[in-house]
Amino acid sequence: LFRNNVLFHGEHLTGVFDFYFAGCDALLFDIAVCLND
């Protein structure tokens, strides 16, 4: 979930895409990936 996989209108989030690296893992891994980007 990098910046280029999220869409906004101004400060309003309008979309999340590119789920093709998704899988089952620790939810914390997702949080960490976002923090790092």
All heavy atoms as atom14 arrays in JSON, in Angstrom:
{
  "sequence": "LFRNNVLFHGEHLTGVFDFYFAGCDALLFDIAVCLND",
  "atom14_mask": [
    [1, 1, 1, 1, 1, 1, 1, 1, 0, 0, 0, 0, 0, 0],
    [1, 1, 1, 1, 1, 1, 1, 1, 1, 1, 1, 0, 0, 0],
    [1, 1, 1, 1, 1, 1, 1, 1, 1, 1, 1, 0, 0, 0],
    [1, 1, 1, 1, 1, 1, 1, 1, 0, 0, 0, 0, 0, 0],
    [1, 1, 1, 1, 1, 1, 1, 1, 0, 0, 0, 0, 0, 0],
    [1, 1, 1, 1, 1, 1, 1, 0, 0, 0, 0, 0, 0, 0],
    [1, 1, 1, 1, 1, 1, 1, 1, 0, 0, 0, 0, 0, 0],
    [1, 1, 1, 1, 1, 1, 1, 1, 1, 1, 1, 0, 0, 0],
    [1, 1, 1, 1, 1, 1, 1, 1, 1, 1, 0, 0, 0, 0],
    [1, 1, 1, 1, 0, 0, 0, 0, 0, 0, 0, 0, 0, 0],
    [1, 1, 1, 1, 1, 1, 1, 1, 1, 0, 0, 0, 0, 0],
    [1, 1, 1, 1, 1, 1, 1, 1, 1, 1, 0, 0, 0, 0],
    [1, 1, 1, 1, 1, 1, 1, 1, 0, 0, 0, 0, 0, 0],
    [1, 1, 1, 1, 1, 1, 1, 0, 0, 0, 0, 0, 0, 0],
    [1, 1, 1, 1, 0, 0, 0, 0, 0, 0, 0, 0, 0, 0],
    [1, 1, 1, 1, 1, 1, 1, 0, 0, 0, 0, 0, 0, 0],
    [1, 1, 1, 1, 1, 1, 1, 1, 1, 1, 1, 0, 0, 0],
    [1, 1, 1, 1, 1, 1, 1, 1, 0, 0, 0, 0, 0, 0],
    [1, 1, 1, 1, 1, 1, 1, 1, 1, 1, 1, 0, 0, 0],
    [1, 1, 1, 1, 1, 1, 1, 1, 1, 1, 1, 1, 0, 0],
    [1, 1, 1, 1, 1, 1, 1, 1, 1, 1, 1, 0, 0, 0],
    [1, 1, 1, 1, 1, 0, 0, 0, 0, 0, 0, 0, 0, 0],
    [1, 1, 1, 1, 0, 0, 0, 0, 0, 0, 0, 0, 0, 0],
    [1, 1, 1, 1, 1, 1, 0, 0, 0, 0, 0, 0, 0, 0],
    [1, 1, 1, 1, 1, 1, 1, 1, 0, 0, 0, 0, 0, 0],
    [1, 1, 1, 1, 1, 0, 0, 0, 0, 0, 0, 0, 0, 0],
    [1, 1, 1, 1, 1, 1, 1, 1, 0, 0, 0, 0, 0, 0],
    [1, 1, 1, 1, 1, 1, 1, 1, 0, 0, 0, 0, 0, 0],
    [1, 1, 1, 1, 1, 1, 1, 1, 1, 1, 1, 0, 0, 0],
    [1, 1, 1, 1, 1, 1, 1, 1, 0, 0, 0, 0, 0, 0],
    [1, 1, 1, 1, 1, 1, 1, 1, 0, 0, 0, 0, 0, 0],
    [1, 1, 1, 1, 1, 0, 0, 0, 0, 0, 0, 0, 0, 0],
    [1, 1, 1, 1, 1, 1, 1, 0, 0, 0, 0, 0, 0, 0],
    [1, 1, 1, 1, 1, 1, 0, 0, 0, 0, 0, 0, 0, 0],
    [1, 1, 1, 1, 1, 1, 1, 1, 0, 0, 0, 0, 0, 0],
    [1, 1, 1, 1, 1, 1, 1, 1, 0, 0, 0, 0, 0, 0],
    [1, 1, 1, 1, 1, 1, 1, 1, 0, 0, 0, 0, 0, 0]
  ],
  "atom14_positions": [
    [[0.83, -1.2, 0.0], [0.0, 0.0, 0.0], [0.87, 1.25, 0.0], [0.89, 2.03, 0.95], [-0.96, -0.01, 1.2], [-2.14, 0.96, 1.08], [-2.98, 0.64, -0.15], [-3.0, 0.91, 2.33], [0.0, 0.0, 0.0], [0.0, 0.0, 0.0], [0.0, 0.0, 0.0], [0.0, 0.0, 0.0], [0.0, 0.0, 0.0], [0.0, 0.0, 0.0]],
    [[1.57, 1.45, -1.11], [2.43, 2.61, -1.31], [1.6, 3.8, -1.79], [0.44, 3.67, -2.14], [3.51, 2.29, -2.32], [4.68, 1.51, -1.76], [4.52, 0.56, -0.76], [5.96, 1.74, -2.25], [5.59, -0.14, -0.27], [7.05, 1.03, -1.75], [6.87, 0.09, -0.76], [0.0, 0.0, 0.0], [0.0, 0.0, 0.0], [0.0, 0.0, 0.0]],
    [[2.26, 4.95, -1.85], [1.58, 6.18, -2.27], [0.96, 6.05, -3.66], [-0.1, 6.62, -3.93], [2.56, 7.36, -2.27], [3.2, 7.63, -0.93], [4.3, 8.67, -1.05], [5.36, 8.41, -0.08], [6.45, 9.13, 0.03], [6.65, 10.17, -0.77], [7.37, 8.83, 0.93], [0.0, 0.0, 0.0], [0.0, 0.0, 0.0], [0.0, 0.0, 0.0]],
    [[1.62, 5.32, -4.55], [1.1, 5.21, -5.91], [-0.05, 4.22, -6.03], [-0.62, 4.06, -7.12], [2.23, 4.84, -6.89], [2.88, 3.52, -6.54], [2.89, 3.1, -5.39], [3.44, 2.85, -7.53], [0.0, 0.0, 0.0], [0.0, 0.0, 0.0], [0.0, 0.0, 0.0], [0.0, 0.0, 0.0], [0.0, 0.0, 0.0], [0.0, 0.0, 0.0]],
    [[-0.43, 3.58, -4.92], [-1.56, 2.65, -4.94], [-2.77, 3.18, -4.18], [-3.7, 2.42, -3.86], [-1.15, 1.29, -4.35], [-0.2, 0.54, -5.28], [-0.24, 0.74, -6.5], [0.64, -0.3, -4.73], [0.0, 0.0, 0.0], [0.0, 0.0, 0.0], [0.0, 0.0, 0.0], [0.0, 0.0, 0.0], [0.0, 0.0, 0.0], [0.0, 0.0, 0.0]],
    [[-2.75, 4.48, -3.88], [-3.86, 5.13, -3.18], [-4.21, 6.41, -3.94], [-3.33, 7.12, -4.42], [-3.48, 5.47, -1.72], [-4.67, 6.12, -1.0], [-3.03, 4.22, -0.97], [0.0, 0.0, 0.0], [0.0, 0.0, 0.0], [0.0, 0.0, 0.0], [0.0, 0.0, 0.0], [0.0, 0.0, 0.0], [0.0, 0.0, 0.0], [0.0, 0.0, 0.0]],
    [[-5.5, 6.7, -4.03], [-5.98, 7.87, -4.76], [-6.71, 8.82, -3.81], [-7.39, 8.38, -2.87], [-6.92, 7.45, -5.89], [-6.32, 6.51, -6.94], [-7.41, 6.04, -7.9], [-5.19, 7.18, -7.69], [0.0, 0.0, 0.0], [0.0, 0.0, 0.0], [0.0, 0.0, 0.0], [0.0, 0.0, 0.0], [0.0, 0.0, 0.0], [0.0, 0.0, 0.0]],
    [[-6.58, 10.12, -4.11], [-7.21, 11.16, -3.3], [-7.86, 12.2, -4.18], [-7.4, 12.46, -5.3], [-6.17, 11.88, -2.43], [-5.66, 11.11, -1.24], [-4.57, 10.26, -1.37], [-6.26, 11.25, 0.0], [-4.08, 9.56, -0.28], [-5.78, 10.57, 1.1], [-4.69, 9.72, 0.97], [0.0, 0.0, 0.0], [0.0, 0.0, 0.0], [0.0, 0.0, 0.0]],
    [[-8.91, 12.83, -3.65], [-9.37, 14.14, -4.09], [-9.06, 15.09, -2.94], [-9.71, 15.04, -1.9], [-10.87, 14.15, -4.38], [-11.25, 13.49, -5.68], [-10.62, 13.78, -6.87], [-12.2, 12.56, -5.97], [-11.16, 13.07, -7.84], [-12.11, 12.31, -7.32], [0.0, 0.0, 0.0], [0.0, 0.0, 0.0], [0.0, 0.0, 0.0], [0.0, 0.0, 0.0]],
    [[-8.04, 15.93, -3.1], [-7.62, 16.76, -1.99], [-7.1, 15.89, -0.86], [-6.18, 15.1, -1.04], [0.0, 0.0, 0.0], [0.0, 0.0, 0.0], [0.0, 0.0, 0.0], [0.0, 0.0, 0.0], [0.0, 0.0, 0.0], [0.0, 0.0, 0.0], [0.0, 0.0, 0.0], [0.0, 0.0, 0.0], [0.0, 0.0, 0.0], [0.0, 0.0, 0.0]],
    [[-7.72, 16.0, 0.31], [-7.35, 15.17, 1.46], [-8.3, 14.0, 1.66], [-8.16, 13.24, 2.62], [-7.29, 16.03, 2.73], [-6.21, 17.09, 2.69], [-6.21, 17.97, 3.92], [-7.15, 17.85, 4.75], [-5.28, 18.79, 4.08], [0.0, 0.0, 0.0], [0.0, 0.0, 0.0], [0.0, 0.0, 0.0], [0.0, 0.0, 0.0], [0.0, 0.0, 0.0]],
    [[-9.26, 13.84, 0.73], [-10.25, 12.75, 0.83], [-9.78, 11.54, 0.04], [-9.53, 11.62, -1.16], [-11.6, 13.22, 0.3], [-12.64, 12.15, 0.24], [-13.11, 11.5, 1.36], [-13.28, 11.59, -0.82], [-14.0, 10.6, 1.01], [-14.12, 10.62, -0.31], [0.0, 0.0, 0.0], [0.0, 0.0, 0.0], [0.0, 0.0, 0.0], [0.0, 0.0, 0.0]],
    [[-9.63, 10.41, 0.72], [-9.18, 9.18, 0.08], [-10.31, 8.6, -0.76], [-11.4, 8.36, -0.25], [-8.72, 8.18, 1.14], [-7.94, 6.95, 0.66], [-7.05, 6.41, 1.79], [-8.86, 5.84, 0.18], [0.0, 0.0, 0.0], [0.0, 0.0, 0.0], [0.0, 0.0, 0.0], [0.0, 0.0, 0.0], [0.0, 0.0, 0.0], [0.0, 0.0, 0.0]],
    [[-10.03, 8.37, -2.04], [-11.07, 7.91, -2.97], [-10.84, 6.5, -3.5], [-11.75, 5.92, -4.1], [-11.19, 8.86, -4.17], [-9.91, 8.96, -4.83], [-11.63, 10.24, -3.72], [0.0, 0.0, 0.0], [0.0, 0.0, 0.0], [0.0, 0.0, 0.0], [0.0, 0.0, 0.0], [0.0, 0.0, 0.0], [0.0, 0.0, 0.0], [0.0, 0.0, 0.0]],
    [[-9.66, 5.94, -3.3], [-9.43, 4.61, -3.84], [-8.14, 3.96, -3.38], [-7.15, 4.64, -3.11], [0.0, 0.0, 0.0], [0.0, 0.0, 0.0], [0.0, 0.0, 0.0], [0.0, 0.0, 0.0], [0.0, 0.0, 0.0], [0.0, 0.0, 0.0], [0.0, 0.0, 0.0], [0.0, 0.0, 0.0], [0.0, 0.0, 0.0], [0.0, 0.0, 0.0]],
    [[-8.19, 2.63, -3.28], [-7.03, 1.79, -2.98], [-7.01, 0.69, -4.02], [-8.03, 0.04, -4.27], [-7.12, 1.18, -1.57], [-6.02, 0.15, -1.35], [-7.04, 2.27, -0.5], [0.0, 0.0, 0.0], [0.0, 0.0, 0.0], [0.0, 0.0, 0.0], [0.0, 0.0, 0.0], [0.0, 0.0, 0.0], [0.0, 0.0, 0.0], [0.0, 0.0, 0.0]],
    [[-5.86, 0.45, -4.66], [-5.82, -0.54, -5.72], [-4.52, -1.33, -5.69], [-3.72, -1.21, -4.77], [-6.06, 0.11, -7.09], [-5.04, 1.14, -7.49], [-4.01, 0.81, -8.37], [-5.1, 2.45, -7.01], [-3.07, 1.76, -8.76], [-4.18, 3.4, -7.4], [-3.15, 3.05, -8.26], [0.0, 0.0, 0.0], [0.0, 0.0, 0.0], [0.0, 0.0, 0.0]],
    [[-4.33, -2.16, -6.72], [-3.15, -3.03, -6.89], [-3.01, -4.0, -5.71], [-2.06, -3.92, -4.91], [-1.88, -2.21, -7.07], [-0.78, -3.03, -7.74], [-1.01, -4.24, -7.98], [0.29, -2.48, -8.04], [0.0, 0.0, 0.0], [0.0, 0.0, 0.0], [0.0, 0.0, 0.0], [0.0, 0.0, 0.0], [0.0, 0.0, 0.0], [0.0, 0.0, 0.0]],
    [[-3.92, -4.95, -5.65], [-3.94, -5.95, -4.58], [-3.15, -7.22, -4.95], [-3.28, -8.23, -4.27], [-5.38, -6.34, -4.26], [-6.1, -5.34, -3.4], [-6.65, -4.19, -3.96], [-6.24, -5.54, -2.04], [-7.33, -3.27, -3.17], [-6.9, -4.62, -1.24], [-7.45, -3.48, -1.8], [0.0, 0.0, 0.0], [0.0, 0.0, 0.0], [0.0, 0.0, 0.0]],
    [[-2.33, -7.16, -5.98], [-1.75, -8.38, -6.52], [-0.48, -8.84, -5.81], [0.2, -9.76, -6.27], [-1.54, -8.23, -8.04], [-2.85, -7.93, -8.72], [-3.03, -6.76, -9.47], [-3.94, -8.8, -8.59], [-4.24, -6.48, -10.08], [-5.15, -8.52, -9.19], [-5.3, -7.36, -9.94], [-6.5, -7.08, -10.53], [0.0, 0.0, 0.0], [0.0, 0.0, 0.0]],
    [[-0.14, -8.23, -4.68], [0.84, -8.78, -3.76], [0.19, -9.16, -2.43], [0.88, -9.45, -1.46], [1.97, -7.78, -3.49], [2.98, -7.69, -4.58], [3.12, -6.53, -5.33], [3.8, -8.77, -4.89], [4.05, -6.44, -6.35], [4.73, -8.7, -5.9], [4.86, -7.53, -6.64], [0.0, 0.0, 0.0], [0.0, 0.0, 0.0], [0.0, 0.0, 0.0]],
    [[-1.15, -9.16, -2.4], [-1.86, -9.48, -1.16], [-1.65, -10.94, -0.79], [-1.33, -11.79, -1.61], [-3.35, -9.18, -1.32], [0.0, 0.0, 0.0], [0.0, 0.0, 0.0], [0.0, 0.0, 0.0], [0.0, 0.0, 0.0], [0.0, 0.0, 0.0], [0.0, 0.0, 0.0], [0.0, 0.0, 0.0], [0.0, 0.0, 0.0], [0.0, 0.0, 0.0]],
    [[-1.84, -11.21, 0.49], [-1.73, -12.57, 1.0], [-2.04, -12.56, 2.47], [-2.34, -11.51, 3.06], [0.0, 0.0, 0.0], [0.0, 0.0, 0.0], [0.0, 0.0, 0.0], [0.0, 0.0, 0.0], [0.0, 0.0, 0.0], [0.0, 0.0, 0.0], [0.0, 0.0, 0.0], [0.0, 0.0, 0.0], [0.0, 0.0, 0.0], [0.0, 0.0, 0.0]],
    [[-2.01, -13.7, 3.09], [-2.28, -13.79, 4.52], [-0.97, -13.71, 5.28], [-0.02, -14.46, 5.02], [-3.01, -15.08, 4.83], [-4.68, -15.12, 4.11], [0.0, 0.0, 0.0], [0.0, 0.0, 0.0], [0.0, 0.0, 0.0], [0.0, 0.0, 0.0], [0.0, 0.0, 0.0], [0.0, 0.0, 0.0], [0.0, 0.0, 0.0], [0.0, 0.0, 0.0]],
    [[-0.92, -12.79, 6.23], [0.31, -12.53, 6.98], [-0.08, -11.79, 8.26], [-1.27, -11.55, 8.5], [1.27, -11.68, 6.13], [2.74, -11.87, 6.53], [3.01, -12.17, 7.71], [3.61, -11.7, 5.66], [0.0, 0.0, 0.0], [0.0, 0.0, 0.0], [0.0, 0.0, 0.0], [0.0, 0.0, 0.0], [0.0, 0.0, 0.0], [0.0, 0.0, 0.0]],
    [[0.91, -11.41, 9.04], [0.65, -10.56, 10.2], [0.11, -9.22, 9.73], [0.68, -8.6, 8.82], [1.93, -10.38, 11.0], [0.0, 0.0, 0.0], [0.0, 0.0, 0.0], [0.0, 0.0, 0.0], [0.0, 0.0, 0.0], [0.0, 0.0, 0.0], [0.0, 0.0, 0.0], [0.0, 0.0, 0.0], [0.0, 0.0, 0.0], [0.0, 0.0, 0.0]],
    [[-0.98, -8.75, 10.33], [-1.52, -7.44, 9.97], [-0.48, -6.35, 10.2], [-0.46, -5.33, 9.5], [-2.78, -7.15, 10.78], [-3.92, -8.17, 10.68], [-5.14, -7.67, 11.46], [-4.3, -8.45, 9.24], [0.0, 0.0, 0.0], [0.0, 0.0, 0.0], [0.0, 0.0, 0.0], [0.0, 0.0, 0.0], [0.0, 0.0, 0.0], [0.0, 0.0, 0.0]],
    [[0.41, -6.58, 11.16], [1.44, -5.61, 11.49], [2.4, -5.38, 10.32], [2.96, -4.29, 10.17], [2.22, -6.07, 12.72], [3.24, -5.09, 13.31], [2.55, -3.82, 13.78], [4.02, -5.74, 14.45], [0.0, 0.0, 0.0], [0.0, 0.0, 0.0], [0.0, 0.0, 0.0], [0.0, 0.0, 0.0], [0.0, 0.0, 0.0], [0.0, 0.0, 0.0]],
    [[2.58, -6.4, 9.48], [3.45, -6.23, 8.31], [2.88, -5.16, 7.39], [3.62, -4.32, 6.86], [3.59, -7.56, 7.56], [4.46, -7.48, 6.35], [5.84, -7.44, 6.46], [3.91, -7.43, 5.07], [6.66, -7.35, 5.34], [4.72, -7.35, 3.94], [6.09, -7.31, 4.08], [0.0, 0.0, 0.0], [0.0, 0.0, 0.0], [0.0, 0.0, 0.0]],
    [[1.56, -5.15, 7.2], [0.9, -4.13, 6.38], [1.13, -2.74, 6.96], [1.39, -1.78, 6.23], [-0.6, -4.42, 6.34], [-1.14, -4.57, 4.92], [-0.36, -4.48, 3.97], [-2.36, -4.78, 4.79], [0.0, 0.0, 0.0], [0.0, 0.0, 0.0], [0.0, 0.0, 0.0], [0.0, 0.0, 0.0], [0.0, 0.0, 0.0], [0.0, 0.0, 0.0]],
    [[1.0, -2.63, 8.27], [1.21, -1.36, 8.94], [2.64, -0.87, 8.72], [2.89, 0.3, 8.42], [0.91, -1.49, 10.45], [-0.58, -1.82, 10.66], [1.3, -0.24, 11.22], [-0.94, -2.21, 12.07], [0.0, 0.0, 0.0], [0.0, 0.0, 0.0], [0.0, 0.0, 0.0], [0.0, 0.0, 0.0], [0.0, 0.0, 0.0], [0.0, 0.0, 0.0]],
    [[3.59, -1.79, 8.87], [5.01, -1.44, 8.71], [5.32, -0.99, 7.29], [6.07, -0.02, 7.09], [5.87, -2.64, 9.09], [0.0, 0.0, 0.0], [0.0, 0.0, 0.0], [0.0, 0.0, 0.0], [0.0, 0.0, 0.0], [0.0, 0.0, 0.0], [0.0, 0.0, 0.0], [0.0, 0.0, 0.0], [0.0, 0.0, 0.0], [0.0, 0.0, 0.0]],
    [[4.78, -1.67, 6.3], [5.0, -1.28, 4.91], [4.52, 0.15, 4.67], [5.2, 0.95, 4.01], [4.3, -2.27, 3.95], [4.25, -1.73, 2.53], [5.0, -3.63, 3.98], [0.0, 0.0, 0.0], [0.0, 0.0, 0.0], [0.0, 0.0, 0.0], [0.0, 0.0, 0.0], [0.0, 0.0, 0.0], [0.0, 0.0, 0.0], [0.0, 0.0, 0.0]],
    [[3.36, 0.47, 5.2], [2.83, 1.83, 5.03], [3.7, 2.87, 5.74], [3.99, 3.93, 5.17], [1.4, 1.9, 5.58], [0.18, 1.13, 4.51], [0.0, 0.0, 0.0], [0.0, 0.0, 0.0], [0.0, 0.0, 0.0], [0.0, 0.0, 0.0], [0.0, 0.0, 0.0], [0.0, 0.0, 0.0], [0.0, 0.0, 0.0], [0.0, 0.0, 0.0]],
    [[4.1, 2.59, 6.96], [4.96, 3.53, 7.69], [6.24, 3.81, 6.91], [6.72, 4.94, 6.86], [5.29, 2.98, 9.07], [4.19, 3.05, 10.13], [4.58, 2.24, 11.35], [3.91, 4.5, 10.52], [0.0, 0.0, 0.0], [0.0, 0.0, 0.0], [0.0, 0.0, 0.0], [0.0, 0.0, 0.0], [0.0, 0.0, 0.0], [0.0, 0.0, 0.0]],
    [[6.79, 2.77, 6.29], [8.05, 2.92, 5.56], [7.92, 3.71, 4.27], [8.93, 4.15, 3.71], [8.64, 1.54, 5.23], [9.21, 0.85, 6.45], [9.38, 1.44, 7.51], [9.5, -0.44, 6.3], [0.0, 0.0, 0.0], [0.0, 0.0, 0.0], [0.0, 0.0, 0.0], [0.0, 0.0, 0.0], [0.0, 0.0, 0.0], [0.0, 0.0, 0.0]],
    [[6.7, 3.89, 3.79], [6.52, 4.67, 2.57], [5.87, 6.02, 2.85], [6.38, 7.06, 2.45], [5.69, 3.9, 1.55], [5.56, 4.67, 0.23], [6.61, 4.9, -0.41], [4.44, 5.06, -0.14], [0.0, 0.0, 0.0], [0.0, 0.0, 0.0], [0.0, 0.0, 0.0], [0.0, 0.0, 0.0], [0.0, 0.0, 0.0], [0.0, 0.0, 0.0]]
  ]
}
